[in-house]
């Protein structure tokens, strides 16, 4: 189950990576998924929405973080653990796989 959820999250992350890649979009004739305006104000370059996070939480980083959080939420969407009755220690995980999935993702990200 953990491997399947991890593979689903990983596949979604790869798809997202491709969708925000300029080279991938050009090669496949796709339109970009983000529309960012660039303004010059007082000799500063300003992006709208901002590239990073902002107080309104509508910056590009905020949006991507929300998308990734939705991918990770797959680990809590399963209706109960398959191994809960066999291992009482898993009952402490509230019947989901979030802890194990976070461990898997940390291992995956450190190998990149």
PDB file of N, CA and C in Angstrom:
ATOM      1  N   UNK A   1       0.827  -1.185   0.000  1.00  0.00           N
ATOM      2  CA  UNK A   1       0.000   0.000   0.000  1.00  0.00           C
ATOM      3  C   UNK A   1       0.878   1.257   0.000  1.00  0.00           C
ATOM      4  N   UNK A   2       1.893   1.269   0.860  1.00  0.00           N
ATOM      5  CA  UNK A   2       2.780   2.435   0.950  1.00  0.00           C
ATOM      6  C   UNK A   2       3.503   2.657  -0.370  1.00  0.00           C
ATOM      7  N   UNK A   3       3.972   1.589  -0.976  1.00  0.00           N
ATOM      8  CA  UNK A   3       4.659   1.713  -2.266  1.00  0.00           C
ATOM      9  C   UNK A   3       3.715   2.261  -3.342  1.00  0.00           C
ATOM     10  N   UNK A   4       2.480   1.806  -3.345  1.00  0.00           N
ATOM     11  CA  UNK A   4       1.507   2.287  -4.321  1.00  0.00           C
ATOM     12  C   UNK A   4       1.196   3.765  -4.146  1.00  0.00           C
ATOM     13  N   UNK A   5       0.986   4.178  -2.912  1.00  0.00           N
ATOM     14  CA  UNK A   5       0.712   5.597  -2.642  1.00  0.00           C
ATOM     15  C   UNK A   5       1.928   6.444  -3.024  1.00  0.00           C
ATOM     16  N   UNK A   6       3.116   5.970  -2.644  1.00  0.00           N
ATOM     17  CA  UNK A   6       4.345   6.697  -2.981  1.00  0.00           C
ATOM     18  C   UNK A   6       4.506   6.810  -4.489  1.00  0.00           C
ATOM     19  N   UNK A   7       4.234   5.733  -5.215  1.00  0.00           N
ATOM     20  CA  UNK A   7       4.325   5.777  -6.678  1.00  0.00           C
ATOM     21  C   UNK A   7       3.312   6.756  -7.267  1.00  0.00           C
ATOM     22  N   UNK A   8       2.116   6.806  -6.692  1.00  0.00           N
ATOM     23  CA  UNK A   8       1.105   7.750  -7.160  1.00  0.00           C
ATOM     24  C   UNK A   8       1.530   9.194  -6.947  1.00  0.00           C
ATOM     25  N   UNK A   9       2.076   9.478  -5.778  1.00  0.00           N
ATOM     26  CA  UNK A   9       2.563  10.830  -5.477  1.00  0.00           C
ATOM     27  C   UNK A   9       3.736  11.167  -6.392  1.00  0.00           C
ATOM     28  N   UNK A  10       4.655  10.226  -6.553  1.00  0.00           N
ATOM     29  CA  UNK A  10       5.820  10.447  -7.404  1.00  0.00           C
ATOM     30  C   UNK A  10       5.390  10.707  -8.852  1.00  0.00           C
ATOM     31  N   UNK A  11       4.450   9.933  -9.357  1.00  0.00           N
ATOM     32  CA  UNK A  11       3.950  10.147 -10.718  1.00  0.00           C
ATOM     33  C   UNK A  11       3.317  11.521 -10.875  1.00  0.00           C
ATOM     34  N   UNK A  12       2.577  11.936  -9.878  1.00  0.00           N
ATOM     35  CA  UNK A  12       1.952  13.257  -9.914  1.00  0.00           C
ATOM     36  C   UNK A  12       3.001  14.363  -9.883  1.00  0.00           C
ATOM     37  N   UNK A  13       4.052  14.171  -9.087  1.00  0.00           N
ATOM     38  CA  UNK A  13       5.125  15.164  -9.012  1.00  0.00           C
ATOM     39  C   UNK A  13       5.864  15.270 -10.344  1.00  0.00           C
ATOM     40  N   UNK A  14       6.100  14.132 -10.990  1.00  0.00           N
ATOM     41  CA  UNK A  14       6.760  14.143 -12.302  1.00  0.00           C
ATOM     42  C   UNK A  14       5.882  14.855 -13.323  1.00  0.00           C
ATOM     43  N   UNK A  15       4.580  14.588 -13.297  1.00  0.00           N
ATOM     44  CA  UNK A  15       3.655  15.256 -14.209  1.00  0.00           C
ATOM     45  C   UNK A  15       3.677  16.772 -13.984  1.00  0.00           C
ATOM     46  N   UNK A  16       3.644  17.191 -12.716  1.00  0.00           N
ATOM     47  CA  UNK A  16       3.696  18.619 -12.404  1.00  0.00           C
ATOM     48  C   UNK A  16       5.001  19.233 -12.895  1.00  0.00           C
ATOM     49  N   UNK A  17       6.109  18.536 -12.658  1.00  0.00           N
ATOM     50  CA  UNK A  17       7.421  19.017 -13.117  1.00  0.00           C
ATOM     51  C   UNK A  17       7.408  19.240 -14.620  1.00  0.00           C
ATOM     52  N   UNK A  18       6.846  18.294 -15.355  1.00  0.00           N
ATOM     53  CA  UNK A  18       6.768  18.438 -16.808  1.00  0.00           C
ATOM     54  C   UNK A  18       5.899  19.624 -17.207  1.00  0.00           C
ATOM     55  N   UNK A  19       4.781  19.811 -16.516  1.00  0.00           N
ATOM     56  CA  UNK A  19       3.851  20.876 -16.870  1.00  0.00           C
ATOM     57  C   UNK A  19       4.420  22.268 -16.639  1.00  0.00           C
ATOM     58  N   UNK A  20       5.376  22.409 -15.732  1.00  0.00           N
ATOM     59  CA  UNK A  20       5.959  23.730 -15.487  1.00  0.00           C
ATOM     60  C   UNK A  20       7.317  23.882 -16.168  1.00  0.00           C
ATOM     61  N   UNK A  21       7.691  22.915 -16.978  1.00  0.00           N
ATOM     62  CA  UNK A  21       8.955  22.964 -17.707  1.00  0.00           C
ATOM     63  C   UNK A  21       8.750  23.675 -19.045  1.00  0.00           C
ATOM     64  N   UNK A  22       9.511  24.737 -19.272  1.00  0.00           N
ATOM     65  CA  UNK A  22       9.414  25.476 -20.538  1.00  0.00           C
ATOM     66  C   UNK A  22       9.779  24.559 -21.700  1.00  0.00           C
ATOM     67  N   UNK A  23      10.851  23.792 -21.556  1.00  0.00           N
ATOM     68  CA  UNK A  23      11.287  22.900 -22.639  1.00  0.00           C
ATOM     69  C   UNK A  23      10.213  21.858 -22.964  1.00  0.00           C
ATOM     70  N   UNK A  24       9.607  21.272 -21.936  1.00  0.00           N
ATOM     71  CA  UNK A  24       8.560  20.267 -22.147  1.00  0.00           C
ATOM     72  C   UNK A  24       7.359  20.889 -22.864  1.00  0.00           C
ATOM     73  N   UNK A  25       6.952  22.068 -22.424  1.00  0.00           N
ATOM     74  CA  UNK A  25       5.807  22.737 -23.042  1.00  0.00           C
ATOM     75  C   UNK A  25       6.082  23.084 -24.496  1.00  0.00           C
ATOM     76  N   UNK A  26       7.270  23.591 -24.794  1.00  0.00           N
ATOM     77  CA  UNK A  26       7.619  23.922 -26.177  1.00  0.00           C
ATOM     78  C   UNK A  26       7.650  22.667 -27.040  1.00  0.00           C
ATOM     79  N   UNK A  27       8.265  21.613 -26.535  1.00  0.00           N
ATOM     80  CA  UNK A  27       8.388  20.361 -27.288  1.00  0.00           C
ATOM     81  C   UNK A  27       7.020  19.757 -27.602  1.00  0.00           C
ATOM     82  N   UNK A  28       6.078  19.878 -26.672  1.00  0.00           N
ATOM     83  CA  UNK A  28       4.759  19.270 -26.836  1.00  0.00           C
ATOM     84  C   UNK A  28       3.689  20.260 -27.292  1.00  0.00           C
ATOM     85  N   UNK A  29       4.079  21.495 -27.576  1.00  0.00           N
ATOM     86  CA  UNK A  29       3.127  22.492 -28.052  1.00  0.00           C
ATOM     87  C   UNK A  29       2.071  22.858 -27.022  1.00  0.00           C
ATOM     88  N   UNK A  30       2.440  22.872 -25.754  1.00  0.00           N
ATOM     89  CA  UNK A  30       1.499  23.172 -24.674  1.00  0.00           C
ATOM     90  C   UNK A  30       1.633  24.613 -24.220  1.00  0.00           C
ATOM     91  N   UNK A  31       0.549  25.156 -23.733  1.00  0.00           N
ATOM     92  CA  UNK A  31       0.558  26.490 -23.148  1.00  0.00           C
ATOM     93  C   UNK A  31       1.052  26.380 -21.704  1.00  0.00           C
ATOM     94  N   UNK A  32       1.714  27.410 -21.187  1.00  0.00           N
ATOM     95  CA  UNK A  32       2.146  27.377 -19.782  1.00  0.00           C
ATOM     96  C   UNK A  32       0.935  27.354 -18.846  1.00  0.00           C
ATOM     97  N   UNK A  33       1.110  26.738 -17.681  1.00  0.00           N
ATOM     98  CA  UNK A  33      -0.010  26.673 -16.740  1.00  0.00           C
ATOM     99  C   UNK A  33      -0.081  27.897 -15.840  1.00  0.00           C
ATOM    100  N   UNK A  34       0.976  28.717 -15.828  1.00  0.00           N
ATOM    101  CA  UNK A  34       0.971  29.934 -15.030  1.00  0.00           C
ATOM    102  C   UNK A  34       1.108  31.137 -15.946  1.00  0.00           C
ATOM    103  N   UNK A  35       0.389  32.193 -15.611  1.00  0.00           N
ATOM    104  CA  UNK A  35       0.477  33.454 -16.324  1.00  0.00           C
ATOM    105  C   UNK A  35       1.000  34.483 -15.329  1.00  0.00           C
ATOM    106  N   UNK A  36       2.206  34.961 -15.567  1.00  0.00           N
ATOM    107  CA  UNK A  36       2.852  35.888 -14.649  1.00  0.00           C
ATOM    108  C   UNK A  36       3.140  37.189 -15.386  1.00  0.00           C
ATOM    109  N   UNK A  37       2.690  38.279 -14.809  1.00  0.00           N
ATOM    110  CA  UNK A  37       2.963  39.599 -15.377  1.00  0.00           C
ATOM    111  C   UNK A  37       4.259  40.129 -14.777  1.00  0.00           C
ATOM    112  N   UNK A  38       5.051  40.789 -15.606  1.00  0.00           N
ATOM    113  CA  UNK A  38       6.291  41.399 -15.146  1.00  0.00           C
ATOM    114  C   UNK A  38       6.142  42.908 -15.294  1.00  0.00           C
ATOM    115  N   UNK A  39       6.315  43.622 -14.204  1.00  0.00           N
ATOM    116  CA  UNK A  39       6.215  45.078 -14.191  1.00  0.00           C
ATOM    117  C   UNK A  39       7.511  45.675 -13.676  1.00  0.00           C
ATOM    118  N   UNK A  40       7.839  46.845 -14.194  1.00  0.00           N
ATOM    119  CA  UNK A  40       8.969  47.598 -13.669  1.00  0.00           C
ATOM    120  C   UNK A  40       8.413  48.743 -12.829  1.00  0.00           C
ATOM    121  N   UNK A  41       8.750  48.746 -11.541  1.00  0.00           N
ATOM    122  CA  UNK A  41       8.291  49.796 -10.635  1.00  0.00           C
ATOM    123  C   UNK A  41       9.480  50.326  -9.860  1.00  0.00           C
ATOM    124  N   UNK A  42       9.734  51.606 -10.002  1.00  0.00           N
ATOM    125  CA  UNK A  42      10.844  52.243  -9.285  1.00  0.00           C
ATOM    126  C   UNK A  42      12.150  51.471  -9.461  1.00  0.00           C
ATOM    127  N   UNK A  43      12.441  51.128 -10.697  1.00  0.00           N
ATOM    128  CA  UNK A  43      13.667  50.419 -11.062  1.00  0.00           C
ATOM    129  C   UNK A  43      13.758  49.017 -10.456  1.00  0.00           C
ATOM    130  N   UNK A  44      12.620  48.467 -10.067  1.00  0.00           N
ATOM    131  CA  UNK A  44      12.557  47.098  -9.544  1.00  0.00           C
ATOM    132  C   UNK A  44      11.673  46.264 -10.457  1.00  0.00           C
ATOM    133  N   UNK A  45      12.030  45.004 -10.598  1.00  0.00           N
ATOM    134  CA  UNK A  45      11.207  44.076 -11.349  1.00  0.00           C
ATOM    135  C   UNK A  45      10.202  43.459 -10.382  1.00  0.00           C
ATOM    136  N   UNK A  46       8.926  43.573 -10.712  1.00  0.00           N
ATOM    137  CA  UNK A  46       7.859  43.040  -9.860  1.00  0.00           C
ATOM    138  C   UNK A  46       7.078  41.998 -10.652  1.00  0.00           C
ATOM    139  N   UNK A  47       6.807  40.874 -10.033  1.00  0.00           N
ATOM    140  CA  UNK A  47       6.033  39.815 -10.659  1.00  0.00           C
ATOM    141  C   UNK A  47       4.640  39.782 -10.042  1.00  0.00           C
ATOM    142  N   UNK A  48       3.648  39.552 -10.893  1.00  0.00           N
ATOM    143  CA  UNK A  48       2.265  39.452 -10.425  1.00  0.00           C
ATOM    144  C   UNK A  48       1.611  38.239 -11.055  1.00  0.00           C
ATOM    145  N   UNK A  49       1.310  37.188 -10.274  1.00  0.00           N
ATOM    146  CA  UNK A  49       1.561  37.039  -8.840  1.00  0.00           C
ATOM    147  C   UNK A  49       3.050  36.868  -8.577  1.00  0.00           C
ATOM    148  N   UNK A  50       3.414  36.995  -7.332  1.00  0.00           N
ATOM    149  CA  UNK A  50       4.824  36.873  -6.974  1.00  0.00           C
ATOM    150  C   UNK A  50       5.319  35.463  -7.256  1.00  0.00           C
ATOM    151  N   UNK A  51       6.611  35.362  -7.491  1.00  0.00           N
ATOM    152  CA  UNK A  51       7.213  34.061  -7.766  1.00  0.00           C
ATOM    153  C   UNK A  51       7.254  33.224  -6.479  1.00  0.00           C
ATOM    154  N   UNK A  52       7.559  33.838  -5.384  1.00  0.00           N
ATOM    155  CA  UNK A  52       7.645  33.135  -4.103  1.00  0.00           C
ATOM    156  C   UNK A  52       6.323  33.122  -3.372  1.00  0.00           C
ATOM    157  N   UNK A  53       6.397  32.960  -2.090  1.00  0.00           N
ATOM    158  CA  UNK A  53       5.216  33.005  -1.234  1.00  0.00           C
ATOM    159  C   UNK A  53       4.899  34.458  -0.904  1.00  0.00           C
ATOM    160  N   UNK A  54       3.641  34.720  -0.598  1.00  0.00           N
ATOM    161  CA  UNK A  54       3.267  36.071  -0.185  1.00  0.00           C
ATOM    162  C   UNK A  54       2.166  35.995   0.862  1.00  0.00           C
ATOM    163  N   UNK A  55       1.809  37.140   1.413  1.00  0.00           N
ATOM    164  CA  UNK A  55       0.826  37.175   2.502  1.00  0.00           C
ATOM    165  C   UNK A  55      -0.562  36.739   2.044  1.00  0.00           C
ATOM    166  N   UNK A  56      -0.878  36.927   0.781  1.00  0.00           N
ATOM    167  CA  UNK A  56      -2.190  36.507   0.259  1.00  0.00           C
ATOM    168  C   UNK A  56      -2.214  35.024  -0.104  1.00  0.00           C
ATOM    169  N   UNK A  57      -1.050  34.390  -0.029  1.00  0.00           N
ATOM    170  CA  UNK A  57      -0.884  32.974  -0.363  1.00  0.00           C
ATOM    171  C   UNK A  57      -1.351  32.657  -1.778  1.00  0.00           C
ATOM    172  N   UNK A  58      -1.077  33.584  -2.714  1.00  0.00           N
ATOM    173  CA  UNK A  58      -1.402  33.325  -4.107  1.00  0.00           C
ATOM    174  C   UNK A  58      -0.178  33.436  -5.004  1.00  0.00           C
ATOM    175  N   UNK A  59       1.007  33.396  -4.387  1.00  0.00           N
ATOM    176  CA  UNK A  59       2.243  33.387  -5.164  1.00  0.00           C
ATOM    177  C   UNK A  59       2.433  32.024  -5.820  1.00  0.00           C
ATOM    178  N   UNK A  60       3.326  31.965  -6.785  1.00  0.00           N
ATOM    179  CA  UNK A  60       3.572  30.710  -7.499  1.00  0.00           C
ATOM    180  C   UNK A  60       4.031  29.618  -6.538  1.00  0.00           C
ATOM    181  N   UNK A  61       4.919  29.951  -5.625  1.00  0.00           N
ATOM    182  CA  UNK A  61       5.365  28.952  -4.642  1.00  0.00           C
ATOM    183  C   UNK A  61       4.195  28.475  -3.784  1.00  0.00           C
ATOM    184  N   UNK A  62       3.309  29.393  -3.381  1.00  0.00           N
ATOM    185  CA  UNK A  62       2.126  29.016  -2.600  1.00  0.00           C
ATOM    186  C   UNK A  62       1.247  28.037  -3.379  1.00  0.00           C
ATOM    187  N   UNK A  63       1.040  28.336  -4.650  1.00  0.00           N
ATOM    188  CA  UNK A  63       0.182  27.488  -5.487  1.00  0.00           C
ATOM    189  C   UNK A  63       0.798  26.101  -5.643  1.00  0.00           C
ATOM    190  N   UNK A  64       2.085  26.048  -5.918  1.00  0.00           N
ATOM    191  CA  UNK A  64       2.750  24.745  -6.083  1.00  0.00           C
ATOM    192  C   UNK A  64       2.743  23.977  -4.770  1.00  0.00           C
ATOM    193  N   UNK A  65       2.968  24.662  -3.644  1.00  0.00           N
ATOM    194  CA  UNK A  65       2.914  23.980  -2.347  1.00  0.00           C
ATOM    195  C   UNK A  65       1.529  23.384  -2.081  1.00  0.00           C
ATOM    196  N   UNK A  66       0.477  24.095  -2.479  1.00  0.00           N
ATOM    197  CA  UNK A  66      -0.881  23.575  -2.301  1.00  0.00           C
ATOM    198  C   UNK A  66      -1.107  22.351  -3.184  1.00  0.00           C
ATOM    199  N   UNK A  67      -0.605  22.384  -4.405  1.00  0.00           N
ATOM    200  CA  UNK A  67      -0.749  21.238  -5.306  1.00  0.00           C
ATOM    201  C   UNK A  67      -0.021  20.031  -4.735  1.00  0.00           C
ATOM    202  N   UNK A  68       1.209  20.235  -4.265  1.00  0.00           N
ATOM    203  CA  UNK A  68       1.989  19.130  -3.685  1.00  0.00           C
ATOM    204  C   UNK A  68       1.301  18.594  -2.429  1.00  0.00           C
ATOM    205  N   UNK A  69       0.747  19.472  -1.607  1.00  0.00           N
ATOM    206  CA  UNK A  69       0.013  19.018  -0.408  1.00  0.00           C
ATOM    207  C   UNK A  69      -1.175  18.151  -0.806  1.00  0.00           C
ATOM    208  N   UNK A  70      -1.831  18.506  -1.913  1.00  0.00           N
ATOM    209  CA  UNK A  70      -2.941  17.673  -2.391  1.00  0.00           C
ATOM    210  C   UNK A  70      -2.438  16.303  -2.823  1.00  0.00           C
ATOM    211  N   UNK A  71      -1.277  16.250  -3.469  1.00  0.00           N
ATOM    212  CA  UNK A  71      -0.703  14.949  -3.848  1.00  0.00           C
ATOM    213  C   UNK A  71      -0.446  14.111  -2.608  1.00  0.00           C
ATOM    214  N   UNK A  72       0.153  14.722  -1.600  1.00  0.00           N
ATOM    215  CA  UNK A  72       0.502  13.995  -0.369  1.00  0.00           C
ATOM    216  C   UNK A  72      -0.749  13.571   0.389  1.00  0.00           C
ATOM    217  N   UNK A  73      -1.833  14.292   0.208  1.00  0.00           N
ATOM    218  CA  UNK A  73      -3.068  13.928   0.914  1.00  0.00           C
ATOM    219  C   UNK A  73      -3.610  12.577   0.461  1.00  0.00           C
ATOM    220  N   UNK A  74      -3.066  12.021  -0.618  1.00  0.00           N
ATOM    221  CA  UNK A  74      -3.440  10.649  -1.001  1.00  0.00           C
ATOM    222  C   UNK A  74      -3.215   9.688   0.157  1.00  0.00           C
ATOM    223  N   UNK A  75      -2.195   9.969   0.973  1.00  0.00           N
ATOM    224  CA  UNK A  75      -1.857   9.061   2.071  1.00  0.00           C
ATOM    225  C   UNK A  75      -2.892   9.058   3.186  1.00  0.00           C
ATOM    226  N   UNK A  76      -3.764  10.061   3.240  1.00  0.00           N
ATOM    227  CA  UNK A  76      -4.803  10.070   4.272  1.00  0.00           C
ATOM    228  C   UNK A  76      -6.185   9.802   3.691  1.00  0.00           C
ATOM    229  N   UNK A  77      -6.252   9.568   2.382  1.00  0.00           N
ATOM    230  CA  UNK A  77      -7.538   9.321   1.735  1.00  0.00           C
ATOM    231  C   UNK A  77      -7.963   7.860   1.795  1.00  0.00           C
ATOM    232  N   UNK A  78      -7.033   6.972   2.077  1.00  0.00           N
ATOM    233  CA  UNK A  78      -7.361   5.550   2.160  1.00  0.00           C
ATOM    234  C   UNK A  78      -8.204   5.301   3.410  1.00  0.00           C
ATOM    235  N   UNK A  79      -9.291   4.554   3.276  1.00  0.00           N
ATOM    236  CA  UNK A  79     -10.197   4.342   4.415  1.00  0.00           C
ATOM    237  C   UNK A  79      -9.666   3.315   5.416  1.00  0.00           C
ATOM    238  N   UNK A  80      -8.683   3.691   6.191  1.00  0.00           N
ATOM    239  CA  UNK A  80      -8.144   2.805   7.224  1.00  0.00           C
ATOM    240  C   UNK A  80      -6.936   2.030   6.762  1.00  0.00           C
ATOM    241  N   UNK A  81      -6.119   1.688   7.704  1.00  0.00           N
ATOM    242  CA  UNK A  81      -4.910   0.919   7.407  1.00  0.00           C
ATOM    243  C   UNK A  81      -5.244  -0.550   7.245  1.00  0.00           C
ATOM    244  N   UNK A  82      -4.561  -1.185   6.318  1.00  0.00           N
ATOM    245  CA  UNK A  82      -4.746  -2.614   6.117  1.00  0.00           C
ATOM    246  C   UNK A  82      -4.114  -3.418   7.248  1.00  0.00           C
ATOM    247  N   UNK A  83      -3.076  -2.864   7.864  1.00  0.00           N
ATOM    248  CA  UNK A  83      -2.345  -3.593   8.894  1.00  0.00           C
ATOM    249  C   UNK A  83      -2.688  -3.140  10.311  1.00  0.00           C
ATOM    250  N   UNK A  84      -3.743  -2.393  10.495  1.00  0.00           N
ATOM    251  CA  UNK A  84      -4.073  -1.852  11.821  1.00  0.00           C
ATOM    252  C   UNK A  84      -4.381  -2.947  12.827  1.00  0.00           C
ATOM    253  N   UNK A  85      -5.090  -3.974  12.414  1.00  0.00           N
ATOM    254  CA  UNK A  85      -5.442  -5.036  13.360  1.00  0.00           C
ATOM    255  C   UNK A  85      -4.251  -5.939  13.658  1.00  0.00           C
ATOM    256  N   UNK A  86      -3.328  -6.080  12.709  1.00  0.00           N
ATOM    257  CA  UNK A  86      -2.170  -6.951  12.904  1.00  0.00           C
ATOM    258  C   UNK A  86      -1.084  -6.298  13.755  1.00  0.00           C
ATOM    259  N   UNK A  87      -1.031  -4.977  13.768  1.00  0.00           N
ATOM    260  CA  UNK A  87       0.028  -4.281  14.492  1.00  0.00           C
ATOM    261  C   UNK A  87      -0.578  -3.101  15.257  1.00  0.00           C
ATOM    262  N   UNK A  88      -0.804  -3.255  16.557  1.00  0.00           N
ATOM    263  CA  UNK A  88      -1.413  -2.178  17.345  1.00  0.00           C
ATOM    264  C   UNK A  88      -0.632  -0.871  17.309  1.00  0.00           C
ATOM    265  N   UNK A  89       0.665  -0.917  17.021  1.00  0.00           N
ATOM    266  CA  UNK A  89       1.459   0.322  16.952  1.00  0.00           C
ATOM    267  C   UNK A  89       0.976   1.214  15.815  1.00  0.00           C
ATOM    268  N   UNK A  90       0.405   0.634  14.770  1.00  0.00           N
ATOM    269  CA  UNK A  90      -0.083   1.425  13.636  1.00  0.00           C
ATOM    270  C   UNK A  90      -1.376   2.157  13.956  1.00  0.00           C
ATOM    271  N   UNK A  91      -2.049   1.755  15.014  1.00  0.00           N
ATOM    272  CA  UNK A  91      -3.283   2.446  15.403  1.00  0.00           C
ATOM    273  C   UNK A  91      -2.993   3.884  15.810  1.00  0.00           C
ATOM    274  N   UNK A  92      -1.776   4.142  16.259  1.00  0.00           N
ATOM    275  CA  UNK A  92      -1.400   5.499  16.645  1.00  0.00           C
ATOM    276  C   UNK A  92      -1.303   6.440  15.449  1.00  0.00           C
ATOM    277  N   UNK A  93      -1.250   5.903  14.226  1.00  0.00           N
ATOM    278  CA  UNK A  93      -1.141   6.729  13.018  1.00  0.00           C
ATOM    279  C   UNK A  93      -2.502   7.170  12.511  1.00  0.00           C
ATOM    280  N   UNK A  94      -3.534   7.084  13.370  1.00  0.00           N
ATOM    281  CA  UNK A  94      -4.883   7.529  13.027  1.00  0.00           C
ATOM    282  C   UNK A  94      -5.468   6.840  11.812  1.00  0.00           C
ATOM    283  N   UNK A  95      -4.999   5.646  11.517  1.00  0.00           N
ATOM    284  CA  UNK A  95      -5.584   4.889  10.420  1.00  0.00           C
ATOM    285  C   UNK A  95      -5.183   5.371   9.039  1.00  0.00           C
ATOM    286  N   UNK A  96      -4.117   6.155   8.928  1.00  0.00           N
ATOM    287  CA  UNK A  96      -3.666   6.569   7.605  1.00  0.00           C
ATOM    288  C   UNK A  96      -2.190   6.218   7.430  1.00  0.00           C
ATOM    289  N   UNK A  97      -1.648   6.587   6.301  1.00  0.00           N
ATOM    290  CA  UNK A  97      -0.273   6.235   5.948  1.00  0.00           C
ATOM    291  C   UNK A  97       0.639   7.464   5.871  1.00  0.00           C
ATOM    292  N   UNK A  98       0.215   8.581   6.449  1.00  0.00           N
ATOM    293  CA  UNK A  98       0.936   9.836   6.292  1.00  0.00           C
ATOM    294  C   UNK A  98       2.370   9.771   6.796  1.00  0.00           C
ATOM    295  N   UNK A  99       2.591   9.190   7.957  1.00  0.00           N
ATOM    296  CA  UNK A  99       3.939   9.125   8.530  1.00  0.00           C
ATOM    297  C   UNK A  99       4.869   8.339   7.605  1.00  0.00           C
ATOM    298  N   UNK A 100       4.412   7.186   7.148  1.00  0.00           N
ATOM    299  CA  UNK A 100       5.251   6.359   6.266  1.00  0.00           C
ATOM    300  C   UNK A 100       5.500   7.041   4.920  1.00  0.00           C
ATOM    301  N   UNK A 101       4.500   7.714   4.408  1.00  0.00           N
ATOM    302  CA  UNK A 101       4.661   8.389   3.121  1.00  0.00           C
ATOM    303  C   UNK A 101       5.647   9.540   3.245  1.00  0.00           C
ATOM    304  N   UNK A 102       5.565  10.295   4.323  1.00  0.00           N
ATOM    305  CA  UNK A 102       6.542  11.379   4.524  1.00  0.00           C
ATOM    306  C   UNK A 102       7.954  10.818   4.607  1.00  0.00           C
ATOM    307  N   UNK A 103       8.130   9.670   5.291  1.00  0.00           N
ATOM    308  CA  UNK A 103       9.444   9.030   5.352  1.00  0.00           C
ATOM    309  C   UNK A 103       9.912   8.622   3.960  1.00  0.00           C
ATOM    310  N   UNK A 104       9.009   8.058   3.170  1.00  0.00           N
ATOM    311  CA  UNK A 104       9.346   7.647   1.805  1.00  0.00           C
ATOM    312  C   UNK A 104       9.745   8.848   0.956  1.00  0.00           C
ATOM    313  N   UNK A 105       9.009   9.949   1.065  1.00  0.00           N
ATOM    314  CA  UNK A 105       9.301  11.126   0.272  1.00  0.00           C
ATOM    315  C   UNK A 105      10.618  11.760   0.673  1.00  0.00           C
ATOM    316  N   UNK A 106      10.926  11.759   1.972  1.00  0.00           N
ATOM    317  CA  UNK A 106      12.219  12.292   2.415  1.00  0.00           C
ATOM    318  C   UNK A 106      13.342  11.472   1.817  1.00  0.00           C
ATOM    319  N   UNK A 107      13.209  10.150   1.818  1.00  0.00           N
ATOM    320  CA  UNK A 107      14.223   9.290   1.212  1.00  0.00           C
ATOM    321  C   UNK A 107      14.340   9.569  -0.279  1.00  0.00           C
ATOM    322  N   UNK A 108      13.195   9.732  -0.951  1.00  0.00           N
ATOM    323  CA  UNK A 108      13.190   9.996  -2.382  1.00  0.00           C
ATOM    324  C   UNK A 108      13.867  11.325  -2.691  1.00  0.00           C
ATOM    325  N   UNK A 109      13.522  12.360  -1.944  1.00  0.00           N
ATOM    326  CA  UNK A 109      14.064  13.687  -2.219  1.00  0.00           C
ATOM    327  C   UNK A 109      15.549  13.774  -1.929  1.00  0.00           C
ATOM    328  N   UNK A 110      16.035  13.048  -0.928  1.00  0.00           N
ATOM    329  CA  UNK A 110      17.449  13.094  -0.624  1.00  0.00           C
ATOM    330  C   UNK A 110      18.287  12.339  -1.645  1.00  0.00           C
ATOM    331  N   UNK A 111      17.657  11.479  -2.440  1.00  0.00           N
ATOM    332  CA  UNK A 111      18.373  10.733  -3.471  1.00  0.00           C
ATOM    333  C   UNK A 111      18.429  11.486  -4.794  1.00  0.00           C
ATOM    334  N   UNK A 112      17.696  12.572  -4.911  1.00  0.00           N
ATOM    335  CA  UNK A 112      17.648  13.315  -6.177  1.00  0.00           C
ATOM    336  C   UNK A 112      18.855  14.173  -6.362  1.00  0.00           C
TER     337      UNK A 112
END
